[in-house]
Amino acid sequence: MKDLSVKLHSLELRNPVMTASGTFGYGWEYEDFVDLSKLGGIVVKATTGSHREGNPYPRMAETPHGMLNAIGLQNKGVDYFIKAIYPAISDFPTNVIVNVSGSTVEEYESVAEKINELEKIPAIELNISCPNVKEGGMAFGTSCASAQAVTRAVRKVYKKTLIVKLSPNVTSIVEIAKGVEDEGADSISLINTLLGMAIDVEKRKPVLSTITGGLSGPAIKPVALRMVWQVSQEVKIPLVGIGGISSASDAISFLLAGASAIQVGTANFIDPSVTMKIVAGIEDYLERHRIDSVKDLVGALDVS
């Protein structure tokens, strides 16, 4: 047996394969297709301070090699999560990570503080791609100063593993990665969706009600790989690679580029059991290449 275990700061994963927030629900939706005990972890859908209805329909659109979404963080709020959802997922046989979202620094801080009290949630993923309502709607993650501010505030109240998820819609993702590392992030996940849009030419109207939305799927993998590689050269904390991963080969590419773990997102909609195939494929790769530990692949890209 090959060693598939990895660590994100103090968070121990049995293997590097996790699921991405917003694509795996709360985990129970996939139990008929996936053995949760064989995953490194699951990142549940976004949790905010209060109930959110999300954006009006239509809010999803298929694109070549991907999809656009503008769900709008639909959820029933952190108090409902603690009361009704946490009891149902707390005994899952894998790491359960909560994606924390908000519109103000204070909202992020409040949600993180409440999640900190949940014994069986070992980590949170801070989604800083949300609009900052106090700063004119610009996403927290597109400004180094605001990314640092929200990370700093959450770090003060959250005592377990803090993963910060970066937006790719920036000029220098390295600058922001270094900024959140300086403010206490234990790990960085990247990338979130790229901003895109689709147009119905017959109606001469946008396909999405919000006009623009987040592009995910295989189309964004080259961008995500490039950003993971760039960030890995400049930070010391472990990275989680996200973006168009739909096979073991894709996952291994991210490990070679410098990620310690990966998340599978859009591919879950196409093949609900894809994560199981990726775990098996990584193990097969290690066997074929006579590599004892998956950790030996992390950052092992030969650029000579």
Foldseek 3Di string as FASTA:
>chain_A
DFQQWFDFQPQIFSHQEEADAPFCAQPPVLVVQEQQLLGREYEHHEAWAAADQFDDPPAKADDVQWIFGRRHRGDGHLVCCVVPPCVVRLPRNHAYEYEYEYQALVGSQVSQLVVLPRPSHQEYEYEQQFFNVVVPGHGLQQDLVSLLSSLLSNVVRHDGAYEYEHEPAYDDNLSSLVSSVVSPHSEYEDHWFDKDWAADVVVRGTNGPVRIGGIAALVCLVVQLVNLLVNQVRDDGAYEGEGRDQALVSQLSSQLSAHRHYHYGPNCVVPVNRSVRNSVVVVVVCVVVVNRYSNVSHNNDDPD
